[in-house]
Amino acid sequence: MHNYKELNVWKKSLDLAVKIYEETDSFPSEEKFGLISQIRRCSVSIPSNIAEGSGRSTNKDFNNFLGYSYGSSCELETQLIISNKVGLIEGKKFNDLNNDIQDIQKMLFSLRNSLK
């Protein structure tokens, strides 16, 4: 078992989820049940799966949950690209969030490799 609260990838992904909530506050209300909901759910899924997997009894199980987190990060990245293309997130903010996602993806990849 791992203490997820000590993992930098968990901390960074938790911070990203907060940033996502702040950024999507400015989205139009008609997106409440569309992109806002989708983006928020997958951003929360990243640290949540890290936390859940850390409580599993084997590294194999933990690795599987890190894979779910990675998948959620790819989903989030895609939704942010769409949001940028339709004008809901401006260029600099999009780039900052996208850089955070790419950092998290690298950290997840490294952690997964260390568990093999």
Protein backbone atom coordinates (compact mmCIF):
# COMPACT_ATOMS: atom_id res chain seq x y z
CA MET A 1 0.00 0.00 0.00
CA HIS A 2 1.14 3.52 -0.78
CA ASN A 3 0.37 6.79 0.92
CA TYR A 4 -1.22 8.72 -1.93
CA LYS A 5 -1.01 12.02 -0.04
CA GLU A 6 2.78 11.85 -0.34
CA LEU A 7 2.74 11.27 -4.11
CA ASN A 8 3.62 14.37 -6.14
CA VAL A 9 1.44 13.16 -9.00
CA TRP A 10 -1.58 13.04 -6.68
CA LYS A 11 -0.83 16.55 -5.36
CA LYS A 12 -0.38 17.96 -8.88
CA SER A 13 -3.53 16.29 -10.19
CA LEU A 14 -5.53 17.54 -7.20
CA ASP A 15 -4.33 21.08 -7.94
CA LEU A 16 -5.30 20.61 -11.58
CA ALA A 17 -8.83 19.57 -10.61
CA VAL A 18 -9.19 22.79 -8.60
CA LYS A 19 -7.92 24.83 -11.56
CA ILE A 20 -10.42 23.07 -13.81
CA TYR A 21 -13.31 23.95 -11.49
CA GLU A 22 -12.19 27.58 -11.46
CA GLU A 23 -11.78 27.73 -15.24
CA THR A 24 -15.12 26.08 -16.03
CA ASP A 25 -16.94 28.58 -13.79
CA SER A 26 -16.66 31.01 -16.70
CA PHE A 27 -18.22 28.61 -19.23
CA PRO A 28 -21.72 29.49 -20.45
CA SER A 29 -24.56 28.01 -18.39
CA GLU A 30 -25.83 25.98 -21.35
CA GLU A 31 -22.67 23.87 -20.98
CA LYS A 32 -23.55 22.91 -17.39
CA PHE A 33 -24.64 19.40 -18.40
CA GLY A 34 -22.25 19.17 -21.34
CA LEU A 35 -18.60 20.10 -21.30
CA ILE A 36 -18.56 21.49 -17.75
CA SER A 37 -19.85 18.26 -16.24
CA GLN A 38 -17.64 16.08 -18.43
CA ILE A 39 -14.47 18.11 -17.83
CA ARG A 40 -14.98 18.31 -14.08
CA ARG A 41 -15.71 14.60 -13.70
CA CYS A 42 -12.61 13.44 -15.52
CA SER A 43 -10.40 16.02 -13.76
CA VAL A 44 -11.61 14.67 -10.40
CA SER A 45 -11.13 11.12 -11.63
CA ILE A 46 -7.37 11.55 -12.02
CA PRO A 47 -6.45 12.07 -8.33
CA SER A 48 -9.36 9.88 -7.20
CA ASN A 49 -8.06 6.84 -9.06
CA ILE A 50 -4.56 7.45 -7.74
CA ALA A 51 -5.96 7.51 -4.21
CA GLU A 52 -8.14 4.44 -4.72
CA GLY A 53 -5.36 2.45 -6.33
CA SER A 54 -2.92 3.30 -3.56
CA GLY A 55 -5.20 1.53 -1.12
CA ARG A 56 -5.13 -1.72 -3.07
CA SER A 57 -3.09 -4.60 -1.77
CA THR A 58 -0.83 -5.19 -4.77
CA ASN A 59 1.32 -3.09 -7.05
CA LYS A 60 -0.48 -4.69 -10.00
CA ASP A 61 -3.81 -3.35 -8.74
CA PHE A 62 -2.28 0.07 -8.07
CA ASN A 63 -0.80 0.07 -11.57
CA ASN A 64 -4.25 -0.62 -13.05
CA PHE A 65 -5.73 2.39 -11.25
CA LEU A 66 -2.84 4.55 -12.42
CA GLY A 67 -3.82 3.45 -15.91
CA TYR A 68 -7.37 4.67 -15.28
CA SER A 69 -5.93 8.00 -14.14
CA TYR A 70 -3.87 8.21 -17.31
CA GLY A 71 -6.96 7.50 -19.39
CA SER A 72 -8.87 10.25 -17.58
CA SER A 73 -6.01 12.66 -18.25
CA CYS A 74 -6.25 11.88 -21.99
CA GLU A 75 -10.01 12.41 -21.85
CA LEU A 76 -9.51 15.74 -20.07
CA GLU A 77 -6.89 16.80 -22.59
CA THR A 78 -9.31 16.07 -25.46
CA GLN A 79 -12.13 18.01 -23.82
CA LEU A 80 -9.87 21.00 -23.24
CA ILE A 81 -8.79 20.92 -26.88
CA ILE A 82 -12.46 21.00 -27.88
CA SER A 83 -13.12 23.83 -25.42
CA ASN A 84 -10.24 25.79 -26.91
CA LYS A 85 -11.37 25.19 -30.49
CA VAL A 86 -14.90 26.42 -29.75
CA GLY A 87 -13.60 29.48 -27.91
CA LEU A 88 -14.43 28.55 -24.31
CA ILE A 89 -10.81 28.56 -23.10
CA GLU A 90 -8.35 31.15 -24.40
CA GLY A 91 -4.88 30.27 -25.65
CA LYS A 92 -2.66 30.98 -22.64
CA LYS A 93 -5.00 29.36 -20.13
CA PHE A 94 -5.39 26.37 -22.42
CA ASN A 95 -1.60 26.04 -22.78
CA ASP A 96 -1.10 26.25 -19.00
CA LEU A 97 -3.71 23.56 -18.31
CA ASN A 98 -2.43 21.39 -21.13
CA ASN A 99 1.14 21.63 -19.78
CA ASP A 100 -0.14 20.53 -16.36
CA ILE A 101 -1.84 17.53 -17.97
CA GLN A 102 1.30 16.57 -19.86
CA ASP A 103 3.37 16.79 -16.66
CA ILE A 104 0.87 14.57 -14.86
CA GLN A 105 0.91 12.07 -17.72
CA LYS A 106 4.71 11.85 -17.54
CA MET A 107 4.56 11.39 -13.78
CA LEU A 108 1.93 8.65 -14.09
CA PHE A 109 3.99 6.89 -16.75
CA SER A 110 7.08 6.97 -14.53
CA LEU A 111 5.21 5.76 -11.46
CA ARG A 112 3.62 2.93 -13.43
CA ASN A 113 7.04 1.85 -14.71
CA SER A 114 8.45 1.86 -11.18
CA LEU A 115 5.75 -0.58 -10.05
CA LYS A 116 6.58 -3.24 -12.65
